[in-house]
């Protein structure tokens, strides 16, 4: 049915604490150190064989044989930070670990992000020292909160760990699954940010503020994103006639003067059903809609001769390997960008590109743990980190599409895509056939990634499917919460399910979504799918019931 099967002990986190900076730093900065971690207490390098070697500190530099790491405090428009840069003469180092020794209460709670889309795993949890916390996290106990992260678009994958004795930042220096050859380079790896607060402010507002600090230049769409995407009712059995029907319906249900996006999902490759995509895009535009299309740019075609990624990226599943172009070299990148250029030449104004993470890494974000990239393979160009190569891929897609095209990154790393693509899928696929996917993935991601909306990008919690399979009681609630959140609102309108009631509800939802709505769950919930939400514009509190009488499906 789917495309694939803080807080510390008393006084340790308060405003007078030393969790973020030394007392000397605080005195020098007049209290501003509350937004800046001090230099790490220890730095170590991990090699491919698992050996961990401590680096020796001299001033702001840390070094060992063939490695020199600088950790420089600075101040930019987004406040104080630590810029981490590497000079390397070695080709065997896989990770760097920066360690801050602090006392953190065992009963602290952590809210972490995830590598790419969320798979139902987000929410407040207790300390788990072994847990990898990708990109950023919040630490909370009582009314005291701290946040730690790296700025968006770092040149290395980064994750944190948190335990009662302190926190660690791991910086991934690999190329694919093996050490990158960074010899002779000086590479700015990441910029570390932190904040702490005390008092009764809303944790969602705090995290939104911190997200604003992490992404100084988000790229946002010119206006609201509403419309349709056929996947969650057609599931690849779409037709040109059906897409035109959807376009006319979306225009009919949209507020006057607003042109909805209508996205053609997978299935358009069948020429018997889609004989002329350029003509279809023109007809969609003539109907009043803005034409969009789904593409899978990295998947290699047999007839195209271009460098491909190693099948070893799939590990033990290599026999089921899907051929993909290698974005680290020019012929691979040229092959990747053909689908982007074709879509623009055909007149599409919106591109949803998919599967780039799976095709590069041979796994989904939920399976990555501490290592995005299994051991045993490299890109054709081994002189850059994986993050650098992924960033170059995203920037090349952006350039090929042009500034007038709206891009949705699906199965992409949001922390790398922020500032490059206008909108970003924050959730694994919702469904028009299995409500559990919408409840577990869609609601969870919307609840805990809403602070990224309009701070990193225009967040997309995935499709609201209007089908006869999903009870309207559930669909209408999902429609309502997405509309009132102000995030991307795509409908999958199954023709036999678009009753007068459904049409009126979609029309009302679109009217809300094209305004300036915003909202989030009421703070303090430990549920992965919070039910009580507070919204503005219009101001209202809503209680939803996401559950079904028979209970959640444990087999999804």
Protein backbone atom coordinates (compact mmCIF):
# COMPACT_ATOMS: atom_id res chain seq x y z
CA UNK A 1 0.00 0.00 0.00
CA UNK A 2 3.03 2.25 0.45
CA UNK A 3 6.08 3.07 -1.56
CA UNK A 4 8.24 0.96 0.68
CA UNK A 5 7.95 -1.59 3.27
CA UNK A 6 17.53 19.00 31.51
CA UNK A 7 17.99 19.49 33.34
CA UNK A 8 20.31 19.10 36.00
CA UNK A 9 20.23 18.75 39.69
CA UNK A 10 19.08 21.79 41.64
CA UNK A 11 20.96 24.84 40.45
CA UNK A 12 22.74 23.07 37.60
CA UNK A 13 20.45 24.36 34.87
CA UNK A 14 19.05 27.55 36.39
CA UNK A 15 20.03 30.98 35.13
CA UNK A 16 22.94 31.05 37.55
CA UNK A 17 24.25 27.66 36.42
CA UNK A 18 27.51 26.81 34.72
CA UNK A 19 25.92 24.33 32.32
CA UNK A 20 26.55 26.47 29.25
CA UNK A 21 29.57 28.61 30.08
CA UNK A 22 32.26 29.15 32.65
CA UNK A 23 31.90 31.85 35.27
CA UNK A 24 34.72 33.79 33.60
CA UNK A 25 32.94 33.69 30.26
CA UNK A 26 29.75 34.87 31.90
CA UNK A 27 31.50 37.81 33.52
CA UNK A 28 33.20 38.85 30.28
CA UNK A 29 29.96 38.68 28.30
CA UNK A 30 27.81 40.31 30.95
CA UNK A 31 25.47 37.36 31.21
CA UNK A 32 25.24 36.65 27.47
CA UNK A 33 26.96 33.33 28.11
CA UNK A 34 23.50 31.94 28.78
CA UNK A 35 23.36 31.53 24.99
CA UNK A 36 26.76 29.92 24.58
CA UNK A 37 28.45 26.72 25.62
CA UNK A 38 31.99 27.15 26.83
CA UNK A 39 34.79 25.30 25.06
CA UNK A 40 34.52 21.53 25.44
CA UNK A 41 36.28 19.83 28.34
CA UNK A 42 37.64 17.08 26.12
CA UNK A 43 37.96 16.21 22.44
CA UNK A 44 38.66 12.78 20.97
CA UNK A 45 39.00 11.20 17.53
CA UNK A 46 37.58 7.81 16.55
CA UNK A 47 39.22 5.83 13.75
CA UNK A 48 37.75 3.21 11.45
CA UNK A 49 38.87 0.35 13.71
CA UNK A 50 37.06 1.86 16.72
CA UNK A 51 40.15 3.26 18.45
CA UNK A 52 39.46 6.49 20.36
CA UNK A 53 42.37 8.89 20.86
CA UNK A 54 42.25 11.98 23.07
CA UNK A 55 43.35 15.28 21.52
CA UNK A 56 45.57 17.68 23.45
CA UNK A 57 44.38 21.22 24.06
CA UNK A 58 46.43 24.36 23.46
CA UNK A 59 44.33 27.50 23.68
CA UNK A 60 41.37 27.14 21.30
CA UNK A 61 43.03 24.32 19.36
CA UNK A 62 43.03 20.58 19.96
CA UNK A 63 45.49 18.29 18.22
CA UNK A 64 46.90 14.81 17.79
CA UNK A 65 49.03 13.24 15.08
CA UNK A 66 47.86 14.59 11.72
CA UNK A 67 44.80 16.38 13.13
CA UNK A 68 44.19 19.89 14.37
CA UNK A 69 40.77 21.00 15.52
CA UNK A 70 39.88 24.59 16.35
CA UNK A 71 36.89 25.44 18.54
CA UNK A 72 36.47 29.20 18.38
CA UNK A 73 33.88 31.21 20.26
CA UNK A 74 32.24 33.91 18.16
CA UNK A 75 29.23 36.17 17.97
CA UNK A 76 27.00 36.53 14.90
CA UNK A 77 23.54 37.92 14.27
CA UNK A 78 22.05 34.80 15.89
CA UNK A 79 24.09 35.13 19.06
CA UNK A 80 27.11 33.40 20.52
CA UNK A 81 28.36 30.12 19.10
CA UNK A 82 31.33 27.82 18.75
CA UNK A 83 32.73 27.35 15.25
CA UNK A 84 34.41 23.97 14.85
CA UNK A 85 36.98 23.62 12.03
CA UNK A 86 39.38 20.84 11.10
CA UNK A 87 42.81 20.66 9.47
CA UNK A 88 43.56 17.06 8.57
CA UNK A 89 46.53 15.16 7.23
CA UNK A 90 44.92 11.78 7.79
CA UNK A 91 42.46 9.48 6.03
CA UNK A 92 41.49 7.11 8.83
CA UNK A 93 39.34 9.24 11.18
CA UNK A 94 35.59 8.55 11.19
CA UNK A 95 34.25 10.71 14.03
CA UNK A 96 35.23 13.50 16.38
CA UNK A 97 33.71 13.70 19.86
CA UNK A 98 33.43 16.97 21.78
CA UNK A 99 32.57 16.42 25.45
CA UNK A 100 31.21 18.83 28.04
CA UNK A 101 31.29 17.54 31.61
CA UNK A 102 28.20 18.62 33.51
CA UNK A 103 25.95 17.23 36.22
CA UNK A 104 22.55 16.48 34.72
CA UNK A 105 19.70 15.17 36.81
CA UNK A 106 18.78 11.53 36.14
CA UNK A 107 15.09 12.49 35.93
CA UNK A 108 15.64 15.09 33.18
CA UNK A 109 13.59 14.80 29.98
CA UNK A 110 14.91 15.08 26.44
CA UNK A 111 13.17 16.15 23.22
CA UNK A 112 15.28 15.26 20.19
CA UNK A 113 14.97 15.64 16.45
CA UNK A 114 15.61 12.84 13.94
CA UNK A 115 17.81 12.45 10.85
CA UNK A 116 15.24 12.90 8.05
CA UNK A 117 11.48 12.36 8.21
CA UNK A 118 9.99 11.27 11.53
CA UNK A 119 8.68 7.73 11.92
CA UNK A 120 6.61 8.19 15.07
CA UNK A 121 9.62 8.36 17.40
CA UNK A 122 9.42 12.02 18.47
CA UNK A 123 8.45 13.19 21.96
CA UNK A 124 9.78 13.86 25.44
CA UNK A 125 11.74 10.94 26.94
CA UNK A 126 13.98 10.23 29.88
CA UNK A 127 17.76 10.18 29.65
CA UNK A 128 19.18 7.33 27.57
CA UNK A 129 23.00 7.74 27.48
CA UNK A 130 23.43 5.53 24.40
CA UNK A 131 20.79 7.32 22.32
CA UNK A 132 21.95 9.34 19.29
CA UNK A 133 20.20 12.73 19.16
CA UNK A 134 20.53 14.05 15.58
CA UNK A 135 21.23 17.75 14.99
CA UNK A 136 19.71 19.27 18.17
CA UNK A 137 17.86 18.50 21.38
CA UNK A 138 16.14 20.14 24.36
CA UNK A 139 16.73 19.24 27.99
CA UNK A 140 14.02 19.97 30.59
CA UNK A 141 13.17 19.57 34.24
CA UNK A 142 10.45 21.59 35.87
CA UNK A 143 10.55 25.12 34.50
CA UNK A 144 14.21 24.98 33.49
CA UNK A 145 15.07 24.28 29.87
CA UNK A 146 18.24 24.19 27.76
CA UNK A 147 18.71 23.61 24.04
CA UNK A 148 21.80 22.43 22.15
CA UNK A 149 22.31 22.12 18.41
CA UNK A 150 24.30 22.91 15.31
CA UNK A 151 23.40 25.47 12.69
CA UNK A 152 21.63 24.19 9.58
CA UNK A 153 23.72 23.20 6.54
CA UNK A 154 26.75 21.91 8.49
CA UNK A 155 29.52 20.24 6.51
CA UNK A 156 29.27 17.09 8.63
CA UNK A 157 26.47 14.98 10.02
CA UNK A 158 26.22 15.70 13.74
CA UNK A 159 24.49 14.06 16.67
CA UNK A 160 24.45 14.54 20.43
CA UNK A 161 24.37 12.28 23.45
CA UNK A 162 23.22 13.24 26.94
CA UNK A 163 23.83 11.43 30.24
CA UNK A 164 24.05 12.30 33.95
CA UNK A 165 27.74 13.22 33.60
CA UNK A 166 27.43 15.58 30.63
CA UNK A 167 26.82 15.86 26.92
CA UNK A 168 28.72 14.87 23.79
CA UNK A 169 28.66 16.13 20.23
CA UNK A 170 29.75 13.59 17.61
CA UNK A 171 30.88 14.94 14.22
CA UNK A 172 30.85 12.47 11.33
CA UNK A 173 33.93 12.76 9.07
CA UNK A 174 33.05 9.85 6.82
CA UNK A 175 32.51 9.60 3.09
CA UNK A 176 29.70 7.07 2.69
CA UNK A 177 30.57 4.49 5.32
CA UNK A 178 34.35 4.94 5.46
CA UNK A 179 36.71 7.79 6.46
CA UNK A 180 36.81 10.72 4.05
CA UNK A 181 40.21 11.67 2.70
CA UNK A 182 40.38 15.24 3.98
CA UNK A 183 44.17 15.51 3.81
CA UNK A 184 45.37 19.02 3.03
CA UNK A 185 42.01 20.66 3.68
CA UNK A 186 40.80 23.09 6.32
CA UNK A 187 37.08 22.41 6.69
CA UNK A 188 34.55 24.32 8.78
CA UNK A 189 32.54 21.41 10.18
CA UNK A 190 29.72 23.04 12.13
CA UNK A 191 28.73 25.89 14.40
CA UNK A 192 27.47 24.89 17.85
CA UNK A 193 24.63 26.85 19.45
CA UNK A 194 22.97 26.62 22.85
CA UNK A 195 20.43 28.45 24.97
CA UNK A 196 18.91 28.09 28.40
CA UNK A 197 15.84 29.52 30.07
CA UNK A 198 14.17 29.50 33.45
CA UNK A 199 10.53 30.33 34.11
CA UNK A 200 7.15 29.36 32.78
CA UNK A 201 7.52 30.15 29.08
CA UNK A 202 6.03 27.68 26.61
CA UNK A 203 8.58 25.01 25.58
CA UNK A 204 7.27 25.18 21.98
CA UNK A 205 7.99 28.91 21.87
CA UNK A 206 11.46 28.29 23.26
CA UNK A 207 12.24 25.62 20.68
CA UNK A 208 10.88 27.80 17.89
CA UNK A 209 13.21 30.59 19.04
CA UNK A 210 16.12 28.16 19.04
CA UNK A 211 15.21 26.90 15.55
CA UNK A 212 15.28 30.52 14.39
CA UNK A 213 18.82 30.76 15.74
CA UNK A 214 19.91 27.53 14.01
CA UNK A 215 18.65 28.66 10.59
CA UNK A 216 19.57 32.26 9.87
CA UNK A 217 18.28 32.29 6.28
CA UNK A 218 15.28 30.01 5.70
CA UNK A 219 13.92 29.89 2.15
CA UNK A 220 10.14 30.20 2.39
CA UNK A 221 7.47 30.04 -0.31
CA UNK A 222 5.85 33.23 -1.54
CA UNK A 223 2.52 32.20 0.00
CA UNK A 224 0.58 29.35 1.61
CA UNK A 225 0.86 25.86 0.12
CA UNK A 226 -2.52 24.18 -0.36
CA UNK A 227 -3.87 21.89 -3.05
CA UNK A 228 -3.83 18.19 -3.92
CA UNK A 229 -1.50 15.23 -4.31
CA UNK A 230 -3.06 12.07 -5.74
CA UNK A 231 -0.82 9.42 -4.14
CA UNK A 232 -2.95 8.67 -1.07
CA UNK A 233 -5.96 7.67 -3.13
CA UNK A 234 -4.53 6.66 -6.53
CA UNK A 235 -1.39 4.86 -5.34
CA UNK A 236 0.24 4.96 -8.76
CA UNK A 237 -2.95 4.29 -10.73
CA UNK A 238 -3.45 7.94 -11.62
CA UNK A 239 -4.45 9.28 -15.04
CA UNK A 240 -4.21 12.58 -16.86
CA UNK A 241 -8.01 12.87 -16.80
CA UNK A 242 -8.04 12.26 -13.04
CA UNK A 243 -5.39 14.90 -12.46
CA UNK A 244 -7.40 17.47 -14.44
CA UNK A 245 -10.48 16.56 -12.40
CA UNK A 246 -8.49 17.13 -9.20
CA UNK A 247 -7.20 20.46 -10.54
CA UNK A 248 -10.68 21.75 -11.26
CA UNK A 249 -11.91 20.58 -7.86
CA UNK A 250 -9.03 22.26 -6.00
CA UNK A 251 -9.68 25.53 -7.83
CA UNK A 252 -13.38 25.28 -6.99
CA UNK A 253 -12.65 24.73 -3.29
CA UNK A 254 -9.89 27.33 -2.93
CA UNK A 255 -10.57 30.89 -1.74
CA UNK A 256 -11.05 33.43 -4.54
CA UNK A 257 -7.75 34.64 -5.93
CA UNK A 258 -5.72 31.74 -4.58
CA UNK A 259 -4.19 29.28 -7.06
CA UNK A 260 -3.75 25.83 -5.49
CA UNK A 261 -0.89 23.48 -6.28
CA UNK A 262 -1.88 20.16 -7.87
CA UNK A 263 0.90 17.57 -7.70
CA UNK A 264 1.04 14.56 -10.03
CA UNK A 265 2.57 11.75 -8.01
CA UNK A 266 4.24 8.51 -9.10
CA UNK A 267 2.53 6.81 -12.07
CA UNK A 268 2.98 9.53 -14.68
CA UNK A 269 5.74 7.49 -16.35
CA UNK A 270 3.04 5.35 -18.07
CA UNK A 271 2.68 6.99 -21.48
CA UNK A 272 -0.68 5.32 -22.10
CA UNK A 273 -2.13 7.23 -19.13
CA UNK A 274 0.01 10.36 -19.49
CA UNK A 275 0.75 10.82 -23.20
CA UNK A 276 1.92 14.45 -22.96
CA UNK A 277 3.02 15.90 -19.63
CA UNK A 278 3.72 19.33 -21.10
CA UNK A 279 0.19 19.57 -22.46
CA UNK A 280 -1.23 18.34 -19.15
CA UNK A 281 0.72 20.98 -17.22
CA UNK A 282 -0.66 23.65 -19.58
CA UNK A 283 -4.22 22.40 -19.07
CA UNK A 284 -3.76 22.39 -15.29
CA UNK A 285 -2.51 25.95 -15.42
CA UNK A 286 -5.41 26.96 -17.66
CA UNK A 287 -7.84 25.52 -15.08
CA UNK A 288 -6.43 27.92 -12.49
CA UNK A 289 -4.14 25.45 -10.70
CA UNK A 290 -0.37 25.48 -10.37
CA UNK A 291 1.05 22.24 -11.84
CA UNK A 292 3.42 20.12 -9.78
CA UNK A 293 5.10 16.75 -10.25
CA UNK A 294 6.82 14.03 -8.20
CA UNK A 295 10.26 12.82 -9.33
CA UNK A 296 12.82 10.27 -8.15
CA UNK A 297 16.03 11.84 -9.48
CA UNK A 298 18.73 9.46 -8.21
CA UNK A 299 17.23 6.20 -9.46
CA UNK A 300 19.42 5.03 -12.34
CA UNK A 301 18.01 4.07 -15.71
CA UNK A 302 19.60 1.15 -17.55
CA UNK A 303 20.17 3.09 -20.76
CA UNK A 304 21.99 5.99 -19.04
CA UNK A 305 25.74 5.59 -18.73
CA UNK A 306 26.80 7.44 -15.58
CA UNK A 307 28.73 6.68 -12.39
CA UNK A 308 26.65 4.74 -9.90
CA UNK A 309 26.81 4.29 -6.16
CA UNK A 310 28.28 1.11 -4.70
CA UNK A 311 25.77 -1.67 -3.92
CA UNK A 312 27.63 -2.14 -0.63
CA UNK A 313 25.66 0.79 0.80
CA UNK A 314 22.79 -1.68 1.31
CA UNK A 315 24.95 -3.93 3.50
CA UNK A 316 23.57 -7.45 3.85
CA UNK A 317 20.61 -6.45 1.68
CA UNK A 318 22.88 -5.73 -1.30
CA UNK A 319 21.13 -8.34 -3.43
CA UNK A 320 18.05 -6.12 -3.34
CA UNK A 321 20.13 -3.05 -4.21
CA UNK A 322 18.48 -0.30 -6.24
CA UNK A 323 20.84 1.28 -8.76
CA UNK A 324 21.39 4.99 -8.16
CA UNK A 325 23.56 7.70 -9.68
CA UNK A 326 26.55 8.94 -7.70
CA UNK A 327 26.10 12.68 -6.98
CA UNK A 328 29.77 13.17 -6.03
CA UNK A 329 30.98 13.26 -9.66
CA UNK A 330 29.87 15.33 -12.63
CA UNK A 331 28.40 12.60 -14.86
CA UNK A 332 26.33 11.24 -11.98
CA UNK A 333 25.09 14.72 -11.06
CA UNK A 334 24.21 15.50 -14.68
CA UNK A 335 22.11 12.32 -14.86
CA UNK A 336 20.38 13.23 -11.58
CA UNK A 337 19.47 16.71 -12.75
CA UNK A 338 17.88 15.55 -16.02
CA UNK A 339 14.57 14.83 -14.30
CA UNK A 340 14.58 18.27 -12.65
CA UNK A 341 15.29 20.02 -15.94
CA UNK A 342 12.68 17.93 -17.77
CA UNK A 343 10.02 18.87 -15.22
CA UNK A 344 10.79 22.57 -15.60
CA UNK A 345 10.85 22.34 -19.40
CA UNK A 346 7.40 20.73 -19.30
CA UNK A 347 6.05 23.71 -17.38
CA UNK A 348 5.80 22.40 -13.82
CA UNK A 349 6.00 25.06 -11.12
CA UNK A 350 6.32 22.68 -8.16
CA UNK A 351 8.73 19.74 -7.84
CA UNK A 352 8.46 17.08 -5.15
CA UNK A 353 11.70 15.07 -5.24
CA UNK A 354 11.81 11.80 -3.35
CA UNK A 355 13.98 8.84 -2.27
CA UNK A 356 17.30 10.69 -2.27
CA UNK A 357 18.20 9.55 1.27
CA UNK A 358 17.22 5.93 0.66
CA UNK A 359 19.03 5.78 -2.64
CA UNK A 360 22.24 7.30 -1.28
CA UNK A 361 22.38 5.38 2.01
CA UNK A 362 20.44 2.19 1.30
CA UNK A 363 18.36 2.73 4.43
CA UNK A 364 15.67 4.94 5.93
CA UNK A 365 16.41 7.55 8.57
CA UNK A 366 14.70 5.46 11.26
CA UNK A 367 17.39 2.76 10.82
CA UNK A 368 20.50 4.96 10.89
CA UNK A 369 21.18 5.23 14.62
CA UNK A 370 24.58 6.87 15.08
CA UNK A 371 25.77 6.11 11.54
CA UNK A 372 24.03 7.49 8.44
CA UNK A 373 25.85 5.20 6.04
CA UNK A 374 26.83 1.57 6.54
CA UNK A 375 30.50 0.60 6.55
CA UNK A 376 32.20 -0.72 3.45
CA UNK A 377 31.58 1.84 0.72
CA UNK A 378 32.54 5.33 -0.43
CA UNK A 379 31.41 7.80 -3.07
CA UNK A 380 33.49 8.02 -6.26
CA UNK A 381 34.91 11.28 -4.88
CA UNK A 382 36.25 10.37 -1.44
CA UNK A 383 37.69 13.82 -0.66
CA UNK A 384 34.49 15.30 0.78
CA UNK A 385 32.33 14.37 3.74
CA UNK A 386 28.94 12.80 3.09
CA UNK A 387 27.24 15.97 4.32
CA UNK A 388 29.18 18.08 1.81
CA UNK A 389 28.09 15.79 -1.02
CA UNK A 390 24.45 15.82 0.08
CA UNK A 391 24.51 19.61 0.40
CA UNK A 392 25.98 19.93 -3.09
CA UNK A 393 23.20 17.66 -4.40
CA UNK A 394 20.49 19.77 -2.80
CA UNK A 395 22.04 23.00 -4.07
CA UNK A 396 22.34 21.56 -7.59
CA UNK A 397 18.64 20.58 -7.57
CA UNK A 398 17.81 24.08 -6.40
CA UNK A 399 19.88 25.66 -9.15
CA UNK A 400 18.49 23.40 -11.89
CA UNK A 401 14.91 24.09 -10.85
CA UNK A 402 15.39 27.86 -10.73
CA UNK A 403 14.20 30.38 -8.19
CA UNK A 404 10.63 30.52 -9.58
CA UNK A 405 10.00 26.83 -8.83
CA UNK A 406 8.75 25.70 -5.42
CA UNK A 407 10.62 22.59 -4.22
CA UNK A 408 9.41 20.00 -1.71
CA UNK A 409 12.11 17.75 -0.30
CA UNK A 410 10.67 14.34 0.56
CA UNK A 411 12.97 11.75 2.18
CA UNK A 412 15.58 14.46 2.64
CA UNK A 413 17.57 15.67 5.64
CA UNK A 414 15.71 18.73 6.88
CA UNK A 415 18.71 20.12 8.75
CA UNK A 416 20.70 20.13 5.51
CA UNK A 417 17.79 21.19 3.26
CA UNK A 418 16.79 24.21 5.39
CA UNK A 419 17.51 27.36 3.41
CA UNK A 420 17.66 25.42 0.11
CA UNK A 421 14.12 24.05 -0.39
CA UNK A 422 10.94 25.95 0.40
CA UNK A 423 9.01 23.06 1.90
CA UNK A 424 10.07 19.83 3.58
CA UNK A 425 8.32 16.58 4.47
CA UNK A 426 8.63 16.17 8.22
CA UNK A 427 6.80 12.84 8.46
CA UNK A 428 6.89 9.39 6.96
CA UNK A 429 3.95 8.67 4.63
CA UNK A 430 0.44 9.12 5.92
CA UNK A 431 -2.19 6.93 4.26
CA UNK A 432 -5.60 6.74 2.64
CA UNK A 433 -5.84 3.07 3.58
CA UNK A 434 -4.22 2.67 7.01
CA UNK A 435 -5.22 5.28 9.59
CA UNK A 436 -2.44 4.10 11.89
CA UNK A 437 0.17 5.60 9.55
CA UNK A 438 -1.50 9.00 9.72
CA UNK A 439 -1.93 8.86 13.50
CA UNK A 440 1.51 7.48 14.31
CA UNK A 441 3.62 9.34 11.75
CA UNK A 442 1.67 12.43 10.69
CA UNK A 443 0.29 13.57 14.05
CA UNK A 444 3.56 12.81 15.84
CA UNK A 445 5.71 14.77 13.39
CA UNK A 446 3.34 17.73 13.30
CA UNK A 447 3.23 17.85 17.10
CA UNK A 448 6.97 17.84 17.70
CA UNK A 449 8.41 19.43 14.57
CA UNK A 450 6.01 22.37 14.39
CA UNK A 451 8.79 24.67 15.77
CA UNK A 452 10.64 24.09 12.47
CA UNK A 453 7.70 25.50 10.49
CA UNK A 454 8.67 28.82 8.90
CA UNK A 455 11.95 28.81 10.86
CA UNK A 456 13.67 26.09 8.78
CA UNK A 457 11.15 25.79 5.93
CA UNK A 458 7.42 25.47 5.28
CA UNK A 459 6.74 22.16 7.01
CA UNK A 460 4.77 19.41 5.26
CA UNK A 461 3.20 16.79 7.59
CA UNK A 462 2.03 14.85 4.49
CA UNK A 463 -1.29 14.31 2.77
CA UNK A 464 -4.84 14.46 4.12
CA UNK A 465 -6.46 11.54 2.30
CA UNK A 466 -10.21 11.78 1.75
CA UNK A 467 -11.16 8.18 1.02
CA UNK A 468 -14.02 5.85 1.93
CA UNK A 469 -11.58 3.51 3.68
CA UNK A 470 -10.65 5.97 6.44
CA UNK A 471 -13.65 7.01 8.61
CA UNK A 472 -14.59 10.64 8.08
CA UNK A 473 -14.47 11.22 11.86
CA UNK A 474 -10.70 10.68 11.71
CA UNK A 475 -10.01 12.34 8.37
CA UNK A 476 -11.89 15.50 9.35
CA UNK A 477 -9.75 15.88 12.47
CA UNK A 478 -6.48 15.45 10.55
CA UNK A 479 -7.73 17.99 8.00
CA UNK A 480 -8.58 20.44 10.77
CA UNK A 481 -5.29 20.23 12.67
CA UNK A 482 -3.14 20.57 9.53
CA UNK A 483 -5.16 23.56 8.31
CA UNK A 484 -5.00 25.34 11.66
CA UNK A 485 -1.26 24.66 12.04
CA UNK A 486 -0.56 26.67 8.87
CA UNK A 487 1.66 23.94 7.44
CA UNK A 488 1.49 22.54 3.90
CA UNK A 489 -2.02 21.19 3.23
CA UNK A 490 -2.35 18.68 0.40
CA UNK A 491 -5.59 16.75 -0.10
CA UNK A 492 -5.86 13.35 -1.82
CA UNK A 493 -9.49 13.59 -3.03
CA UNK A 494 -10.79 10.12 -3.93
CA UNK A 495 -13.72 10.86 -6.32
CA UNK A 496 -16.14 8.52 -4.54
CA UNK A 497 -15.39 10.11 -1.15
CA UNK A 498 -15.83 13.78 -2.03
CA UNK A 499 -19.32 14.16 -0.61
CA UNK A 500 -20.94 17.53 0.00
CA UNK A 501 -19.77 17.30 3.61
CA UNK A 502 -16.19 16.58 2.55
CA UNK A 503 -16.21 19.38 -0.03
CA UNK A 504 -17.48 21.89 2.50
CA UNK A 505 -14.87 20.78 5.05
CA UNK A 506 -12.02 21.08 2.54
CA UNK A 507 -13.27 24.50 1.43
CA UNK A 508 -13.33 25.67 5.06
CA UNK A 509 -9.87 24.18 5.72
CA UNK A 510 -8.38 25.92 2.69
CA UNK A 511 -9.88 29.23 3.85
CA UNK A 512 -8.13 28.83 7.21
CA UNK A 513 -4.84 27.61 5.71
CA UNK A 514 -4.37 30.53 3.31
CA UNK A 515 -4.60 32.99 6.20
CA UNK A 516 -1.95 33.25 8.90
CA UNK A 517 -2.84 30.34 11.19
CA UNK A 518 -0.43 28.91 13.74
CA UNK A 519 -0.55 26.62 16.73
CA UNK A 520 0.84 23.63 18.54
CA UNK A 521 -0.08 21.10 21.20
CA UNK A 522 -0.52 22.41 24.72
CA UNK A 523 2.90 22.14 26.36
CA UNK A 524 3.51 19.44 28.91
CA UNK A 525 2.08 16.48 27.04
CA UNK A 526 4.18 13.32 27.07
CA UNK A 527 1.99 11.63 24.48
CA UNK A 528 3.56 10.89 21.08
CA UNK A 529 0.23 12.03 19.56
CA UNK A 530 -1.04 14.94 21.69
CA UNK A 531 -4.78 15.51 21.61
CA UNK A 532 -5.15 19.05 23.01
CA UNK A 533 -3.93 21.86 20.74
CA UNK A 534 -4.01 25.65 20.92
CA UNK A 535 -4.22 27.77 17.75
CA UNK A 536 -4.14 31.43 16.74
CA UNK A 537 -5.72 33.24 13.75
CA UNK A 538 -8.39 32.23 14.60
CA UNK A 539 -7.76 31.75 18.31
CA UNK A 540 -9.20 28.43 19.44
CA UNK A 541 -8.35 25.39 21.54
CA UNK A 542 -9.18 21.99 20.06
CA UNK A 543 -9.24 18.51 21.55
CA UNK A 544 -8.85 15.70 19.02
CA UNK A 545 -9.42 11.98 19.37
CA UNK A 546 -6.89 10.13 17.22
CA UNK A 547 -7.72 6.67 18.50
CA UNK A 548 -9.96 3.92 17.12
CA UNK A 549 -12.14 1.57 19.20
CA UNK A 550 -10.02 -1.49 18.47
CA UNK A 551 -6.77 0.21 19.48
CA UNK A 552 -3.65 1.08 17.50
CA UNK A 553 -2.37 -1.31 14.84
CA UNK A 554 0.98 -2.69 16.09
CA UNK A 555 1.85 -4.21 12.70
CA UNK A 556 2.20 -0.98 10.68
